[in-house]
Amino acid sequence: MTATPLPYASEPVASPFGYGIHHVQLAIPPGAEDEARSFYIDLLGLLEVAKPPVLAARGGLWVRADRLEIHLGIEQDFRAAAKAHPGILVTDLDALDGHLTGQGVATTWDANFPGMRRFYVHDPFGNRIEFLQPATG
């Protein structure tokens, strides 16, 4: 039996499991850690965190700031996530847009999400990333 979907604007519903996201993982090509650092650390302002030694041996990079953690994992047959993407909440979408466009990063605005303002960027590997902020007024 399929339940009727809740309206999007409804309040979040608690489950018996206490779901939440610890991190999002995106793939990068082998040997691309320095290029990933340039984008995720130097441009976006995230901080690198040390991977546990057993995982560090696999390569990749972990970054975090505020309530966000992204794991960038090496994928031998890398293919960018052109449609699948993390949706990252920010407190000042316009400031982030200004920062990114000022650094030559193209932002693509999309007004098709009621109640939210958002734009997309692509990391140096082609992975799609959505930044969004609740609309006011």
Protein backbone atom coordinates (compact mmCIF):
# COMPACT_ATOMS: atom_id res chain seq x y z
CA MET A 1 0.00 0.00 0.00
CA THR A 2 1.36 3.42 -0.97
CA ALA A 3 0.75 6.34 1.36
CA THR A 4 -0.33 9.72 0.03
CA PRO A 5 2.70 12.02 -0.17
CA LEU A 6 2.86 14.85 2.36
CA PRO A 7 2.76 18.39 1.02
CA TYR A 8 6.32 19.66 0.69
CA ALA A 9 5.63 22.57 3.06
CA SER A 10 4.61 20.20 5.87
CA GLU A 11 6.72 19.92 9.03
CA PRO A 12 9.39 17.20 9.15
CA VAL A 13 8.13 13.92 10.56
CA ALA A 14 10.11 12.08 13.22
CA SER A 15 10.95 8.46 12.58
CA PRO A 16 11.78 5.86 15.20
CA PHE A 17 15.37 5.83 13.88
CA GLY A 18 16.46 9.48 14.27
CA TYR A 19 17.75 9.96 10.72
CA GLY A 20 20.28 12.65 9.86
CA ILE A 21 23.15 13.04 7.43
CA HIS A 22 26.69 12.72 8.71
CA HIS A 23 28.36 13.41 5.36
CA VAL A 24 27.91 13.35 1.62
CA GLN A 25 30.41 11.54 -0.58
CA LEU A 26 31.38 12.70 -4.04
CA ALA A 27 33.78 10.89 -6.35
CA ILE A 28 36.93 12.40 -7.82
CA PRO A 29 39.43 10.91 -10.27
CA PRO A 30 42.63 9.25 -9.09
CA GLY A 31 45.37 11.75 -8.21
CA ALA A 32 42.99 14.74 -8.06
CA GLU A 33 43.34 15.56 -4.36
CA ASP A 34 45.27 18.80 -4.91
CA GLU A 35 42.74 20.05 -7.45
CA ALA A 36 39.96 19.12 -4.99
CA ARG A 37 41.75 21.08 -2.24
CA SER A 38 41.89 24.14 -4.50
CA PHE A 39 38.13 24.05 -4.98
CA TYR A 40 36.74 22.76 -1.69
CA ILE A 41 39.28 24.36 0.68
CA ASP A 42 40.73 27.40 -1.07
CA LEU A 43 37.54 28.46 -2.88
CA LEU A 44 34.66 27.22 -0.71
CA GLY A 45 36.49 27.68 2.60
CA LEU A 46 35.99 24.18 3.98
CA LEU A 47 38.73 22.70 6.17
CA GLU A 48 40.49 19.41 5.57
CA VAL A 49 40.12 16.78 8.27
CA ALA A 50 42.46 13.82 8.63
CA LYS A 51 41.11 10.53 7.37
CA PRO A 52 41.67 7.46 9.54
CA PRO A 53 44.95 5.82 8.38
CA VAL A 54 43.26 2.73 6.95
CA LEU A 55 41.03 4.98 4.81
CA ALA A 56 43.76 7.51 3.98
CA ALA A 57 45.61 4.75 2.16
CA ARG A 58 42.79 4.77 -0.42
CA GLY A 59 43.42 8.42 -1.30
CA GLY A 60 40.75 11.07 -1.41
CA LEU A 61 40.00 13.95 0.89
CA TRP A 62 37.59 14.80 3.70
CA VAL A 63 36.48 18.40 4.29
CA ARG A 64 34.06 20.11 6.64
CA ALA A 65 32.78 23.43 7.98
CA ASP A 66 29.76 24.45 10.05
CA ARG A 67 27.22 21.58 9.76
CA LEU A 68 28.61 20.21 6.49
CA GLU A 69 31.03 17.36 5.84
CA ILE A 70 31.98 16.11 2.38
CA HIS A 71 34.06 13.04 1.65
CA LEU A 72 35.79 13.11 -1.72
CA GLY A 73 36.58 9.53 -2.64
CA ILE A 74 38.78 8.23 -5.41
CA GLU A 75 36.91 6.35 -8.11
CA GLN A 76 39.07 4.50 -10.65
CA ASP A 77 36.43 4.65 -13.40
CA PHE A 78 35.43 8.19 -12.43
CA ARG A 79 32.34 9.69 -13.96
CA ALA A 80 31.03 13.02 -12.70
CA ALA A 81 27.68 13.17 -10.93
CA ALA A 82 26.00 15.46 -13.45
CA LYS A 83 22.46 15.05 -12.06
CA ALA A 84 22.83 13.56 -8.57
CA HIS A 85 24.10 16.22 -6.17
CA PRO A 86 24.26 17.39 -2.58
CA GLY A 87 21.90 20.23 -1.66
CA ILE A 88 23.88 22.46 0.68
CA LEU A 89 22.06 25.02 2.83
CA VAL A 90 23.79 28.36 3.28
CA THR A 91 22.89 31.45 5.29
CA ASP A 92 23.85 34.02 2.62
CA LEU A 93 23.30 32.70 -0.88
CA ASP A 94 23.95 36.05 -2.54
CA ALA A 95 27.31 36.46 -0.80
CA LEU A 96 28.34 32.96 -1.87
CA ASP A 97 27.25 33.67 -5.44
CA GLY A 98 29.29 36.88 -5.45
CA HIS A 99 32.31 35.08 -4.04
CA LEU A 100 32.13 32.24 -6.56
CA THR A 101 31.44 34.38 -9.63
CA GLY A 102 34.20 36.75 -8.52
CA GLN A 103 36.57 33.77 -8.68
CA GLY A 104 35.37 32.79 -12.15
CA VAL A 105 33.02 29.97 -11.13
CA ALA A 106 29.80 29.87 -13.15
CA THR A 107 26.60 29.73 -11.11
CA THR A 108 23.32 28.59 -12.62
CA TRP A 109 20.27 29.96 -10.81
CA ASP A 110 17.06 27.93 -10.72
CA ALA A 111 13.77 29.33 -9.42
CA ASN A 112 11.81 26.07 -9.70
CA PHE A 113 11.93 25.04 -6.02
CA PRO A 114 9.02 26.77 -4.21
CA GLY A 115 10.11 28.43 -0.99
CA MET A 116 13.81 28.18 -1.80
CA ARG A 117 16.38 30.25 -3.67
CA ARG A 118 19.11 28.17 -5.23
CA PHE A 119 21.90 27.88 -7.73
CA TYR A 120 24.13 25.14 -9.03
CA VAL A 121 27.87 24.99 -9.64
CA HIS A 122 30.13 22.22 -10.88
CA ASP A 123 33.35 21.30 -9.13
CA PRO A 124 36.51 20.96 -11.27
CA PHE A 125 35.56 17.35 -12.01
CA GLY A 126 32.01 18.07 -13.22
CA ASN A 127 30.16 17.06 -10.04
CA ARG A 128 27.00 19.13 -9.62
CA ILE A 129 26.56 20.96 -6.31
CA GLU A 130 23.41 22.82 -5.28
CA PHE A 131 23.52 25.72 -2.82
CA LEU A 132 20.20 26.88 -1.43
CA GLN A 133 18.60 29.19 1.10
CA PRO A 134 14.98 29.51 2.19
CA ALA A 135 13.21 32.34 0.40
CA THR A 136 11.94 35.22 2.53
CA GLY A 137 8.93 37.40 2.02
